[in-house]
């Protein structure tokens, strides 16, 4: 080994919005991937103290201060209603972006982000980490093996009694998750994960050609706390994606996939499938997930392809816009997404 050979200096990244996801997920993930977290920005004094306690040297309130830390990239993780106001100055400085889902609250804003990054030559990825959850990977493996034949229908939905307001940082307004003006609601919270999984599974089904949705605010804040979106794809396959936070009891299974030669059901821990010959498959395997923090580092540093692109995430936001329109009109919306 050449003793004179030195390792390259770690790449610096800043964090915008030091909420609980940043603290418990992104700080260990970024550091484990090899990033140097050089700066953090938050509007709440207690959250700035939390960042200092984790050894982040530059802790500030303004984008200008964050950029002066010599960062090559930024994790964008404040509440979703401030996406563009945060992203615009970062893109103007040529800073690459890893954005917490959702990419934006509306399709117009999401397109603006995509186009601005493309014009500036800035990489932009979105943290759709649940594309590598074990429950989804088990479903995808069985479907892609051909065991149940061509897919006719997919259902991916969750039923709970309340939204995840208690997950957020206690020092900030935890009710932002159920406040429409702050980008709250079940559809923008869990929806991007569930929909991204279905779109990834159905990548060969063609575009989404119709959206029919119910989107309701029943008892939590003024944002939606119950949504169910029916999709029809270009090849005729259908999907149901939804999350309800008003169900003390609901269906046991998260997944149902109906194929031409069989079907499967799955929850968080296991999958059961059976084909028309009566052959059964079960799985409790936990496949190794992708490391999106490392992929983002390798994309910025080495030019490797992003596992999740902003344009892929734009598709989810476009479908949510159509779902709101469908719910408002009370009828299906014809699209090509």
C-alpha atoms as a PDB file:
ATOM      1  CA  UNK A   1       0.000   0.000   0.000  1.00  0.00           C
ATOM      2  CA  UNK A   2       1.299   3.475  -0.895  1.00  0.00           C
ATOM      3  CA  UNK A   3       1.748   5.335   2.394  1.00  0.00           C
ATOM      4  CA  UNK A   4       1.816   8.680   0.565  1.00  0.00           C
ATOM      5  CA  UNK A   5      -1.590   8.124  -0.976  1.00  0.00           C
ATOM      6  CA  UNK A   6      -4.235  10.208   0.800  1.00  0.00           C
ATOM      7  CA  UNK A   7      -7.953   9.645   0.883  1.00  0.00           C
ATOM      8  CA  UNK A   8     -10.136  12.379  -0.634  1.00  0.00           C
ATOM      9  CA  UNK A   9     -11.682  14.775   1.851  1.00  0.00           C
ATOM     10  CA  UNK A  10     -15.284  13.913   2.777  1.00  0.00           C
ATOM     11  CA  UNK A  11     -17.913  15.807   0.817  1.00  0.00           C
ATOM     12  CA  UNK A  12     -19.809  18.401   2.814  1.00  0.00           C
ATOM     13  CA  UNK A  13     -23.581  18.481   3.068  1.00  0.00           C
ATOM     14  CA  UNK A  14     -25.973  20.811   4.879  1.00  0.00           C
ATOM     15  CA  UNK A  15     -29.360  19.985   6.394  1.00  0.00           C
ATOM     16  CA  UNK A  16     -32.276  22.374   5.928  1.00  0.00           C
ATOM     17  CA  UNK A  17     -34.990  21.628   8.481  1.00  0.00           C
ATOM     18  CA  UNK A  18     -33.654  19.763  11.527  1.00  0.00           C
ATOM     19  CA  UNK A  19     -36.816  17.890  12.490  1.00  0.00           C
ATOM     20  CA  UNK A  20     -37.086  14.398  13.850  1.00  0.00           C
ATOM     21  CA  UNK A  21     -36.508  12.706  10.479  1.00  0.00           C
ATOM     22  CA  UNK A  22     -33.272  14.658  10.097  1.00  0.00           C
ATOM     23  CA  UNK A  23     -32.176  13.755  13.610  1.00  0.00           C
ATOM     24  CA  UNK A  24     -33.028  10.052  13.796  1.00  0.00           C
ATOM     25  CA  UNK A  25     -32.799   8.998  10.138  1.00  0.00           C
ATOM     26  CA  UNK A  26     -30.704  11.353   8.059  1.00  0.00           C
ATOM     27  CA  UNK A  27     -27.857  12.266  10.427  1.00  0.00           C
ATOM     28  CA  UNK A  28     -26.805   8.628  11.029  1.00  0.00           C
ATOM     29  CA  UNK A  29     -27.562   7.726   7.403  1.00  0.00           C
ATOM     30  CA  UNK A  30     -25.538  10.555   5.920  1.00  0.00           C
ATOM     31  CA  UNK A  31     -22.594  10.013   8.251  1.00  0.00           C
ATOM     32  CA  UNK A  32     -22.673   6.267   7.689  1.00  0.00           C
ATOM     33  CA  UNK A  33     -22.555   6.858   3.943  1.00  0.00           C
ATOM     34  CA  UNK A  34     -19.481   9.063   4.254  1.00  0.00           C
ATOM     35  CA  UNK A  35     -20.937  12.577   4.161  1.00  0.00           C
ATOM     36  CA  UNK A  36     -19.491  15.346   6.346  1.00  0.00           C
ATOM     37  CA  UNK A  37     -22.530  17.138   7.808  1.00  0.00           C
ATOM     38  CA  UNK A  38     -21.050  20.621   7.870  1.00  0.00           C
ATOM     39  CA  UNK A  39     -24.107  22.721   8.641  1.00  0.00           C
ATOM     40  CA  UNK A  40     -27.748  22.629   9.724  1.00  0.00           C
ATOM     41  CA  UNK A  41     -30.519  25.205   9.428  1.00  0.00           C
ATOM     42  CA  UNK A  42     -33.720  25.390  11.459  1.00  0.00           C
ATOM     43  CA  UNK A  43     -36.125  28.148  12.510  1.00  0.00           C
ATOM     44  CA  UNK A  44     -36.683  26.666  15.978  1.00  0.00           C
ATOM     45  CA  UNK A  45     -34.031  27.437  18.653  1.00  0.00           C
ATOM     46  CA  UNK A  46     -34.451  24.066  20.369  1.00  0.00           C
ATOM     47  CA  UNK A  47     -33.887  22.234  17.092  1.00  0.00           C
ATOM     48  CA  UNK A  48     -30.731  24.238  16.462  1.00  0.00           C
ATOM     49  CA  UNK A  49     -29.528  23.120  19.890  1.00  0.00           C
ATOM     50  CA  UNK A  50     -30.314  19.514  18.926  1.00  0.00           C
ATOM     51  CA  UNK A  51     -28.110  19.907  15.847  1.00  0.00           C
ATOM     52  CA  UNK A  52     -25.249  21.349  17.914  1.00  0.00           C
ATOM     53  CA  UNK A  53     -25.571  18.463  20.364  1.00  0.00           C
ATOM     54  CA  UNK A  54     -24.902  16.058  17.495  1.00  0.00           C
ATOM     55  CA  UNK A  55     -21.642  17.791  16.662  1.00  0.00           C
ATOM     56  CA  UNK A  56     -22.690  19.867  13.650  1.00  0.00           C
ATOM     57  CA  UNK A  57     -20.333  22.842  13.562  1.00  0.00           C
ATOM     58  CA  UNK A  58     -22.371  25.470  11.708  1.00  0.00           C
ATOM     59  CA  UNK A  59     -25.953  25.848  12.949  1.00  0.00           C
ATOM     60  CA  UNK A  60     -27.940  28.742  11.539  1.00  0.00           C
ATOM     61  CA  UNK A  61     -31.272  30.282  10.546  1.00  0.00           C
ATOM     62  CA  UNK A  62     -30.540  31.523   7.012  1.00  0.00           C
ATOM     63  CA  UNK A  63     -29.679  29.845   3.696  1.00  0.00           C
ATOM     64  CA  UNK A  64     -26.831  32.297   3.136  1.00  0.00           C
ATOM     65  CA  UNK A  65     -25.102  31.124   6.318  1.00  0.00           C
ATOM     66  CA  UNK A  66     -25.625  27.476   5.369  1.00  0.00           C
ATOM     67  CA  UNK A  67     -24.093  27.998   1.920  1.00  0.00           C
ATOM     68  CA  UNK A  68     -21.019  29.673   3.424  1.00  0.00           C
ATOM     69  CA  UNK A  69     -20.105  26.360   5.088  1.00  0.00           C
ATOM     70  CA  UNK A  70     -18.701  25.145   1.746  1.00  0.00           C
ATOM     71  CA  UNK A  71     -21.360  22.520   1.158  1.00  0.00           C
ATOM     72  CA  UNK A  72     -21.679  20.621  -2.138  1.00  0.00           C
ATOM     73  CA  UNK A  73     -25.180  19.358  -1.361  1.00  0.00           C
ATOM     74  CA  UNK A  74     -28.146  19.841   0.933  1.00  0.00           C
ATOM     75  CA  UNK A  75     -30.766  17.609   2.484  1.00  0.00           C
ATOM     76  CA  UNK A  76     -34.063  19.522   2.244  1.00  0.00           C
ATOM     77  CA  UNK A  77     -36.345  18.384   5.088  1.00  0.00           C
ATOM     78  CA  UNK A  78     -38.582  21.184   6.429  1.00  0.00           C
ATOM     79  CA  UNK A  79     -42.361  20.860   6.269  1.00  0.00           C
ATOM     80  CA  UNK A  80     -43.424  20.494   2.653  1.00  0.00           C
ATOM     81  CA  UNK A  81     -45.222  23.826   2.170  1.00  0.00           C
ATOM     82  CA  UNK A  82     -41.894  25.711   1.975  1.00  0.00           C
ATOM     83  CA  UNK A  83     -40.193  23.582  -0.686  1.00  0.00           C
ATOM     84  CA  UNK A  84     -39.635  26.177  -3.420  1.00  0.00           C
ATOM     85  CA  UNK A  85     -38.645  29.034  -1.111  1.00  0.00           C
ATOM     86  CA  UNK A  86     -35.888  26.820   0.315  1.00  0.00           C
ATOM     87  CA  UNK A  87     -34.843  25.130  -2.909  1.00  0.00           C
ATOM     88  CA  UNK A  88     -34.610  28.184  -5.180  1.00  0.00           C
ATOM     89  CA  UNK A  89     -31.611  29.796  -3.411  1.00  0.00           C
ATOM     90  CA  UNK A  90     -29.843  26.442  -3.116  1.00  0.00           C
ATOM     91  CA  UNK A  91     -30.199  25.721  -6.830  1.00  0.00           C
ATOM     92  CA  UNK A  92     -28.977  29.244  -7.637  1.00  0.00           C
ATOM     93  CA  UNK A  93     -25.760  28.380  -5.788  1.00  0.00           C
ATOM     94  CA  UNK A  94     -25.304  25.073  -7.644  1.00  0.00           C
ATOM     95  CA  UNK A  95     -25.953  22.971  -4.535  1.00  0.00           C
ATOM     96  CA  UNK A  96     -27.138  19.408  -5.228  1.00  0.00           C
ATOM     97  CA  UNK A  97     -30.349  18.321  -3.508  1.00  0.00           C
ATOM     98  CA  UNK A  98     -31.685  15.320  -1.618  1.00  0.00           C
ATOM     99  CA  UNK A  99     -35.315  16.191  -0.805  1.00  0.00           C
ATOM    100  CA  UNK A 100     -37.520  14.538   1.782  1.00  0.00           C
ATOM    101  CA  UNK A 101     -40.753  13.310   0.240  1.00  0.00           C
ATOM    102  CA  UNK A 102     -42.982  14.733  -1.082  1.00  0.00           C
ATOM    103  CA  UNK A 103     -41.038  16.569  -3.763  1.00  0.00           C
ATOM    104  CA  UNK A 104     -43.634  19.372  -3.485  1.00  0.00           C
ATOM    105  CA  UNK A 105     -47.255  19.927  -2.513  1.00  0.00           C
ATOM    106  CA  UNK A 106     -48.451  20.565  -6.083  1.00  0.00           C
ATOM    107  CA  UNK A 107     -47.436  19.355  -9.527  1.00  0.00           C
ATOM    108  CA  UNK A 108     -46.729  22.913 -10.714  1.00  0.00           C
ATOM    109  CA  UNK A 109     -44.226  23.434  -7.907  1.00  0.00           C
ATOM    110  CA  UNK A 110     -42.686  19.998  -8.459  1.00  0.00           C
ATOM    111  CA  UNK A 111     -42.187  20.738 -12.181  1.00  0.00           C
ATOM    112  CA  UNK A 112     -40.618  24.090 -11.315  1.00  0.00           C
ATOM    113  CA  UNK A 113     -38.127  22.307  -9.060  1.00  0.00           C
ATOM    114  CA  UNK A 114     -37.288  19.704 -11.727  1.00  0.00           C
ATOM    115  CA  UNK A 115     -36.820  22.312 -14.439  1.00  0.00           C
ATOM    116  CA  UNK A 116     -34.722  24.625 -12.241  1.00  0.00           C
ATOM    117  CA  UNK A 117     -32.383  21.778 -11.267  1.00  0.00           C
ATOM    118  CA  UNK A 118     -32.035  20.625 -14.870  1.00  0.00           C
ATOM    119  CA  UNK A 119     -31.220  24.132 -16.104  1.00  0.00           C
ATOM    120  CA  UNK A 120     -28.625  24.607 -13.364  1.00  0.00           C
ATOM    121  CA  UNK A 121     -27.055  21.160 -13.775  1.00  0.00           C
ATOM    122  CA  UNK A 122     -27.956  20.346 -10.168  1.00  0.00           C
ATOM    123  CA  UNK A 123     -28.622  16.740  -9.159  1.00  0.00           C
ATOM    124  CA  UNK A 124     -31.960  16.254  -7.420  1.00  0.00           C
ATOM    125  CA  UNK A 125     -33.063  13.058  -5.684  1.00  0.00           C
ATOM    126  CA  UNK A 126     -36.082  12.436  -3.451  1.00  0.00           C
ATOM    127  CA  UNK A 127     -35.981  10.246  -0.339  1.00  0.00           C
ATOM    128  CA  UNK A 128     -38.403   7.516  -1.429  1.00  0.00           C
ATOM    129  CA  UNK A 129     -36.648   5.096   0.907  1.00  0.00           C
ATOM    130  CA  UNK A 130     -39.664   2.791   1.263  1.00  0.00           C
ATOM    131  CA  UNK A 131     -39.103   1.589  -2.293  1.00  0.00           C
ATOM    132  CA  UNK A 132     -36.675  -0.767  -0.502  1.00  0.00           C
ATOM    133  CA  UNK A 133     -38.874  -1.790   2.444  1.00  0.00           C
ATOM    134  CA  UNK A 134     -38.911  -5.541   3.025  1.00  0.00           C
ATOM    135  CA  UNK A 135     -42.683  -5.855   2.503  1.00  0.00           C
ATOM    136  CA  UNK A 136     -42.446  -4.249  -0.944  1.00  0.00           C
ATOM    137  CA  UNK A 137     -39.324  -6.163  -1.978  1.00  0.00           C
ATOM    138  CA  UNK A 138     -41.039  -9.470  -1.134  1.00  0.00           C
ATOM    139  CA  UNK A 139     -44.047  -8.504  -3.276  1.00  0.00           C
ATOM    140  CA  UNK A 140     -41.863  -7.339  -6.135  1.00  0.00           C
ATOM    141  CA  UNK A 141     -39.803 -10.540  -6.120  1.00  0.00           C
ATOM    142  CA  UNK A 142     -42.872 -12.790  -6.394  1.00  0.00           C
ATOM    143  CA  UNK A 143     -44.515 -10.629  -9.072  1.00  0.00           C
ATOM    144  CA  UNK A 144     -41.379 -10.396 -11.199  1.00  0.00           C
ATOM    145  CA  UNK A 145     -40.822 -14.171 -10.937  1.00  0.00           C
ATOM    146  CA  UNK A 146     -44.036 -14.700 -12.911  1.00  0.00           C
ATOM    147  CA  UNK A 147     -45.473 -16.963 -10.207  1.00  0.00           C
ATOM    148  CA  UNK A 148     -48.908 -15.290 -10.296  1.00  0.00           C
ATOM    149  CA  UNK A 149     -48.765 -14.290 -13.969  1.00  0.00           C
ATOM    150  CA  UNK A 150     -49.465 -10.866 -15.386  1.00  0.00           C
ATOM    151  CA  UNK A 151     -50.748  -8.392 -12.804  1.00  0.00           C
ATOM    152  CA  UNK A 152     -54.409  -7.381 -13.097  1.00  0.00           C
ATOM    153  CA  UNK A 153     -54.833  -5.466  -9.835  1.00  0.00           C
ATOM    154  CA  UNK A 154     -52.678  -4.176  -6.988  1.00  0.00           C
ATOM    155  CA  UNK A 155     -53.825  -2.851  -3.628  1.00  0.00           C
ATOM    156  CA  UNK A 156     -51.420  -1.135  -1.259  1.00  0.00           C
ATOM    157  CA  UNK A 157     -53.157   0.569   1.663  1.00  0.00           C
ATOM    158  CA  UNK A 158     -52.903   1.210   5.373  1.00  0.00           C
ATOM    159  CA  UNK A 159     -55.597   1.682   8.019  1.00  0.00           C
ATOM    160  CA  UNK A 160     -54.837   3.343  11.362  1.00  0.00           C
ATOM    161  CA  UNK A 161     -56.760   5.177  14.076  1.00  0.00           C
ATOM    162  CA  UNK A 162     -54.833   8.463  13.955  1.00  0.00           C
ATOM    163  CA  UNK A 163     -52.156  10.335  11.990  1.00  0.00           C
ATOM    164  CA  UNK A 164     -48.482  10.345  12.971  1.00  0.00           C
ATOM    165  CA  UNK A 165     -48.531  13.769  14.634  1.00  0.00           C
ATOM    166  CA  UNK A 166     -46.591  12.494  17.640  1.00  0.00           C
ATOM    167  CA  UNK A 167     -43.653  11.434  15.462  1.00  0.00           C
ATOM    168  CA  UNK A 168     -42.460  14.993  14.830  1.00  0.00           C
ATOM    169  CA  UNK A 169     -40.092  17.033  16.977  1.00  0.00           C
ATOM    170  CA  UNK A 170     -41.866  18.108  20.180  1.00  0.00           C
ATOM    171  CA  UNK A 171     -40.204  21.549  20.010  1.00  0.00           C
ATOM    172  CA  UNK A 172     -41.992  22.355  16.735  1.00  0.00           C
ATOM    173  CA  UNK A 173     -45.689  22.405  15.857  1.00  0.00           C
ATOM    174  CA  UNK A 174     -46.439  18.673  15.610  1.00  0.00           C
ATOM    175  CA  UNK A 175     -49.866  19.461  14.200  1.00  0.00           C
ATOM    176  CA  UNK A 176     -48.311  20.631  10.940  1.00  0.00           C
ATOM    177  CA  UNK A 177     -48.909  17.067   9.721  1.00  0.00           C
ATOM    178  CA  UNK A 178     -52.677  17.651   9.846  1.00  0.00           C
ATOM    179  CA  UNK A 179     -52.611  21.304   8.722  1.00  0.00           C
ATOM    180  CA  UNK A 180     -53.337  21.853   5.042  1.00  0.00           C
ATOM    181  CA  UNK A 181     -51.510  25.187   4.842  1.00  0.00           C
ATOM    182  CA  UNK A 182     -48.285  23.520   6.011  1.00  0.00           C
ATOM    183  CA  UNK A 183     -48.448  20.666   3.496  1.00  0.00           C
ATOM    184  CA  UNK A 184     -50.013  18.234   5.951  1.00  0.00           C
ATOM    185  CA  UNK A 185     -52.463  15.414   5.401  1.00  0.00           C
ATOM    186  CA  UNK A 186     -52.289  11.657   4.985  1.00  0.00           C
ATOM    187  CA  UNK A 187     -51.931  11.886   1.210  1.00  0.00           C
ATOM    188  CA  UNK A 188     -48.717  13.937   1.377  1.00  0.00           C
ATOM    189  CA  UNK A 189     -47.392  12.040   4.405  1.00  0.00           C
ATOM    190  CA  UNK A 190     -47.740   8.316   3.626  1.00  0.00           C
ATOM    191  CA  UNK A 191     -49.103   8.735   0.116  1.00  0.00           C
ATOM    192  CA  UNK A 192     -45.741   9.310  -1.625  1.00  0.00           C
ATOM    193  CA  UNK A 193     -44.376   6.068  -0.148  1.00  0.00           C
ATOM    194  CA  UNK A 194     -47.368   3.905  -1.011  1.00  0.00           C
ATOM    195  CA  UNK A 195     -47.828   5.345  -4.491  1.00  0.00           C
ATOM    196  CA  UNK A 196     -44.118   5.181  -5.336  1.00  0.00           C
ATOM    197  CA  UNK A 197     -44.118   1.485  -4.423  1.00  0.00           C
ATOM    198  CA  UNK A 198     -47.058   0.788  -6.756  1.00  0.00           C
ATOM    199  CA  UNK A 199     -45.631   2.832  -9.634  1.00  0.00           C
ATOM    200  CA  UNK A 200     -42.309   1.014  -9.262  1.00  0.00           C
ATOM    201  CA  UNK A 201     -44.045  -2.382  -9.216  1.00  0.00           C
ATOM    202  CA  UNK A 202     -46.132  -1.441 -12.283  1.00  0.00           C
ATOM    203  CA  UNK A 203     -43.279   0.118 -14.267  1.00  0.00           C
ATOM    204  CA  UNK A 204     -44.167  -1.921 -17.376  1.00  0.00           C
ATOM    205  CA  UNK A 205     -47.929  -1.193 -17.230  1.00  0.00           C
ATOM    206  CA  UNK A 206     -47.724   2.036 -19.206  1.00  0.00           C
ATOM    207  CA  UNK A 207     -48.901   5.461 -18.063  1.00  0.00           C
ATOM    208  CA  UNK A 208     -51.681   6.059 -15.578  1.00  0.00           C
ATOM    209  CA  UNK A 209     -54.710   6.882 -17.756  1.00  0.00           C
ATOM    210  CA  UNK A 210     -57.413   7.535 -15.152  1.00  0.00           C
ATOM    211  CA  UNK A 211     -57.628   8.580 -11.502  1.00  0.00           C
ATOM    212  CA  UNK A 212     -60.705   8.180  -9.304  1.00  0.00           C
ATOM    213  CA  UNK A 213     -60.318   9.220  -5.678  1.00  0.00           C
ATOM    214  CA  UNK A 214     -61.968   9.989  -2.380  1.00  0.00           C
ATOM    215  CA  UNK A 215     -60.060  12.479  -0.259  1.00  0.00           C
ATOM    216  CA  UNK A 216     -61.669  13.367   3.075  1.00  0.00           C
ATOM    217  CA  UNK A 217     -60.982  15.441   6.177  1.00  0.00           C
ATOM    218  CA  UNK A 218     -63.038  13.765   8.907  1.00  0.00           C
ATOM    219  CA  UNK A 219     -61.622  14.564  12.332  1.00  0.00           C
ATOM    220  CA  UNK A 220     -57.909  15.455  12.362  1.00  0.00           C
ATOM    221  CA  UNK A 221     -56.977  19.083  11.624  1.00  0.00           C
ATOM    222  CA  UNK A 222     -58.038  20.643   8.330  1.00  0.00           C
ATOM    223  CA  UNK A 223     -56.037  18.409   5.975  1.00  0.00           C
ATOM    224  CA  UNK A 224     -57.097  15.025   4.597  1.00  0.00           C
ATOM    225  CA  UNK A 225     -57.032  12.166   7.084  1.00  0.00           C
ATOM    226  CA  UNK A 226     -58.466   9.550   4.694  1.00  0.00           C
ATOM    227  CA  UNK A 227     -57.706   9.000   1.015  1.00  0.00           C
ATOM    228  CA  UNK A 228     -58.232   6.160  -1.439  1.00  0.00           C
ATOM    229  CA  UNK A 229     -57.030   6.506  -5.040  1.00  0.00           C
ATOM    230  CA  UNK A 230     -58.050   4.109  -7.807  1.00  0.00           C
ATOM    231  CA  UNK A 231     -55.704   4.082 -10.810  1.00  0.00           C
ATOM    232  CA  UNK A 232     -56.034   2.547 -14.245  1.00  0.00           C
ATOM    233  CA  UNK A 233     -52.893   1.928 -16.312  1.00  0.00           C
ATOM    234  CA  UNK A 234     -52.416   1.953 -20.052  1.00  0.00           C
ATOM    235  CA  UNK A 235     -52.316  -1.850 -20.268  1.00  0.00           C
ATOM    236  CA  UNK A 236     -55.670  -2.157 -18.423  1.00  0.00           C
ATOM    237  CA  UNK A 237     -54.258  -3.068 -15.004  1.00  0.00           C
ATOM    238  CA  UNK A 238     -55.719  -1.324 -11.946  1.00  0.00           C
ATOM    239  CA  UNK A 239     -54.396  -0.264  -8.556  1.00  0.00           C
ATOM    240  CA  UNK A 240     -55.739   1.056  -5.261  1.00  0.00           C
ATOM    241  CA  UNK A 241     -53.481   3.196  -3.089  1.00  0.00           C
ATOM    242  CA  UNK A 242     -54.696   4.611   0.192  1.00  0.00           C
ATOM    243  CA  UNK A 243     -54.179   5.550   3.835  1.00  0.00           C
ATOM    244  CA  UNK A 244     -56.885   6.086   6.415  1.00  0.00           C
ATOM    245  CA  UNK A 245     -56.211   7.636   9.814  1.00  0.00           C
ATOM    246  CA  UNK A 246     -59.794   7.247  11.049  1.00  0.00           C
ATOM    247  CA  UNK A 247     -59.976   3.428  11.364  1.00  0.00           C
ATOM    248  CA  UNK A 248     -59.611   1.846  14.817  1.00  0.00           C
ATOM    249  CA  UNK A 249     -59.880  -1.497  12.990  1.00  0.00           C
ATOM    250  CA  UNK A 250     -59.242  -2.273   9.342  1.00  0.00           C
ATOM    251  CA  UNK A 251     -58.115  -4.955   6.874  1.00  0.00           C
ATOM    252  CA  UNK A 252     -55.243  -7.110   8.073  1.00  0.00           C
ATOM    253  CA  UNK A 253     -53.187  -7.055   4.880  1.00  0.00           C
ATOM    254  CA  UNK A 254     -51.303  -4.113   3.430  1.00  0.00           C
ATOM    255  CA  UNK A 255     -50.890  -5.765   0.006  1.00  0.00           C
ATOM    256  CA  UNK A 256     -53.197  -7.618  -2.346  1.00  0.00           C
ATOM    257  CA  UNK A 257     -52.010  -8.490  -5.855  1.00  0.00           C
ATOM    258  CA  UNK A 258     -54.286 -10.349  -8.273  1.00  0.00           C
ATOM    259  CA  UNK A 259     -52.580 -11.929 -11.251  1.00  0.00           C
ATOM    260  CA  UNK A 260     -53.721 -13.927 -14.253  1.00  0.00           C
ATOM    261  CA  UNK A 261     -52.430 -17.149 -12.677  1.00  0.00           C
ATOM    262  CA  UNK A 262     -52.601 -16.515  -8.947  1.00  0.00           C
ATOM    263  CA  UNK A 263     -52.679 -13.956  -6.176  1.00  0.00           C
ATOM    264  CA  UNK A 264     -50.808 -12.848  -3.077  1.00  0.00           C
ATOM    265  CA  UNK A 265     -51.425 -11.034   0.186  1.00  0.00           C
ATOM    266  CA  UNK A 266     -48.776  -9.427   2.350  1.00  0.00           C
ATOM    267  CA  UNK A 267     -48.312  -7.411   5.520  1.00  0.00           C
ATOM    268  CA  UNK A 268     -45.248  -5.783   7.071  1.00  0.00           C
ATOM    269  CA  UNK A 269     -43.718  -9.103   8.149  1.00  0.00           C
ATOM    270  CA  UNK A 270     -44.750 -11.798   5.691  1.00  0.00           C
ATOM    271  CA  UNK A 271     -46.174 -12.670   2.277  1.00  0.00           C
ATOM    272  CA  UNK A 272     -48.383 -15.554   1.144  1.00  0.00           C
ATOM    273  CA  UNK A 273     -48.996 -16.398  -2.523  1.00  0.00           C
ATOM    274  CA  UNK A 274     -50.893 -19.189  -4.306  1.00  0.00           C
ATOM    275  CA  UNK A 275     -51.189 -19.925  -8.030  1.00  0.00           C
ATOM    276  CA  UNK A 276     -53.934 -21.711  -9.966  1.00  0.00           C
ATOM    277  CA  UNK A 277     -52.039 -25.031  -9.704  1.00  0.00           C
ATOM    278  CA  UNK A 278     -52.404 -24.802  -5.931  1.00  0.00           C
ATOM    279  CA  UNK A 279     -48.694 -24.202  -5.361  1.00  0.00           C
ATOM    280  CA  UNK A 280     -48.035 -21.888  -2.437  1.00  0.00           C
ATOM    281  CA  UNK A 281     -45.175 -19.557  -1.607  1.00  0.00           C
ATOM    282  CA  UNK A 282     -44.543 -17.851   1.696  1.00  0.00           C
ATOM    283  CA  UNK A 283     -41.801 -15.435   2.630  1.00  0.00           C
ATOM    284  CA  UNK A 284     -40.598 -13.614   5.692  1.00  0.00           C
ATOM    285  CA  UNK A 285     -37.284 -12.660   4.115  1.00  0.00           C
ATOM    286  CA  UNK A 286     -35.894  -9.187   4.733  1.00  0.00           C
ATOM    287  CA  UNK A 287     -33.927  -8.306   1.596  1.00  0.00           C
ATOM    288  CA  UNK A 288     -31.092  -5.826   1.998  1.00  0.00           C
ATOM    289  CA  UNK A 289     -32.340  -2.300   1.298  1.00  0.00           C
ATOM    290  CA  UNK A 290     -30.613   0.239  -0.915  1.00  0.00           C
ATOM    291  CA  UNK A 291     -28.656   3.044   0.764  1.00  0.00           C
ATOM    292  CA  UNK A 292     -30.043   6.270  -0.697  1.00  0.00           C
ATOM    293  CA  UNK A 293     -27.633   8.434   1.306  1.00  0.00           C
ATOM    294  CA  UNK A 294     -24.661   6.569  -0.185  1.00  0.00           C
ATOM    295  CA  UNK A 295     -26.188   6.595  -3.659  1.00  0.00           C
ATOM    296  CA  UNK A 296     -26.595  10.376  -3.436  1.00  0.00           C
ATOM    297  CA  UNK A 297     -22.953  10.733  -2.362  1.00  0.00           C
ATOM    298  CA  UNK A 298     -21.736   8.547  -5.233  1.00  0.00           C
ATOM    299  CA  UNK A 299     -23.910  10.445  -7.712  1.00  0.00           C
ATOM    300  CA  UNK A 300     -22.527  13.822  -6.603  1.00  0.00           C
ATOM    301  CA  UNK A 301     -18.910  12.699  -6.195  1.00  0.00           C
ATOM    302  CA  UNK A 302     -18.530  10.013  -8.857  1.00  0.00           C
ATOM    303  CA  UNK A 303     -21.309  10.647 -11.364  1.00  0.00           C
ATOM    304  CA  UNK A 304     -23.194   7.416 -10.647  1.00  0.00           C
ATOM    305  CA  UNK A 305     -26.902   7.297 -11.596  1.00  0.00           C
ATOM    306  CA  UNK A 306     -29.441   8.316  -8.973  1.00  0.00           C
ATOM    307  CA  UNK A 307     -31.663   5.505  -7.729  1.00  0.00           C
ATOM    308  CA  UNK A 308     -34.548   7.960  -7.336  1.00  0.00           C
ATOM    309  CA  UNK A 309     -34.855  10.968  -9.627  1.00  0.00           C
ATOM    310  CA  UNK A 310     -36.925  14.094  -9.176  1.00  0.00           C
ATOM    311  CA  UNK A 311     -38.829  13.302 -12.391  1.00  0.00           C
ATOM    312  CA  UNK A 312     -39.909   9.954 -10.925  1.00  0.00           C
ATOM    313  CA  UNK A 313     -41.179  11.732  -7.823  1.00  0.00           C
ATOM    314  CA  UNK A 314     -42.937  14.359  -9.944  1.00  0.00           C
ATOM    315  CA  UNK A 315     -45.186  11.576 -11.226  1.00  0.00           C
ATOM    316  CA  UNK A 316     -46.520  10.926  -7.713  1.00  0.00           C
ATOM    317  CA  UNK A 317     -47.330  14.609  -7.178  1.00  0.00           C
ATOM    318  CA  UNK A 318     -49.123  14.803 -10.540  1.00  0.00           C
ATOM    319  CA  UNK A 319     -51.314  11.868  -9.493  1.00  0.00           C
ATOM    320  CA  UNK A 320     -52.112  13.555  -6.168  1.00  0.00           C
ATOM    321  CA  UNK A 321     -53.217  16.703  -8.023  1.00  0.00           C
ATOM    322  CA  UNK A 322     -55.521  14.561 -10.166  1.00  0.00           C
ATOM    323  CA  UNK A 323     -56.817  12.767  -7.051  1.00  0.00           C
ATOM    324  CA  UNK A 324     -57.818  16.091  -5.468  1.00  0.00           C
ATOM    325  CA  UNK A 325     -59.558  17.072  -8.684  1.00  0.00           C
ATOM    326  CA  UNK A 326     -61.398  13.746  -8.854  1.00  0.00           C
ATOM    327  CA  UNK A 327     -62.528  14.016  -5.229  1.00  0.00           C
ATOM    328  CA  UNK A 328     -63.750  17.588  -5.779  1.00  0.00           C
ATOM    329  CA  UNK A 329     -65.710  16.702  -8.929  1.00  0.00           C
ATOM    330  CA  UNK A 330     -66.917  13.309  -7.696  1.00  0.00           C
ATOM    331  CA  UNK A 331     -65.838  11.518 -10.863  1.00  0.00           C
ATOM    332  CA  UNK A 332     -62.854   9.918 -12.602  1.00  0.00           C
ATOM    333  CA  UNK A 333     -60.255  12.160 -14.209  1.00  0.00           C
ATOM    334  CA  UNK A 334     -58.687  11.111 -17.506  1.00  0.00           C
ATOM    335  CA  UNK A 335     -54.928  11.671 -17.469  1.00  0.00           C
ATOM    336  CA  UNK A 336     -51.713  10.482 -19.047  1.00  0.00           C
ATOM    337  CA  UNK A 337     -49.140  10.369 -16.259  1.00  0.00           C
END
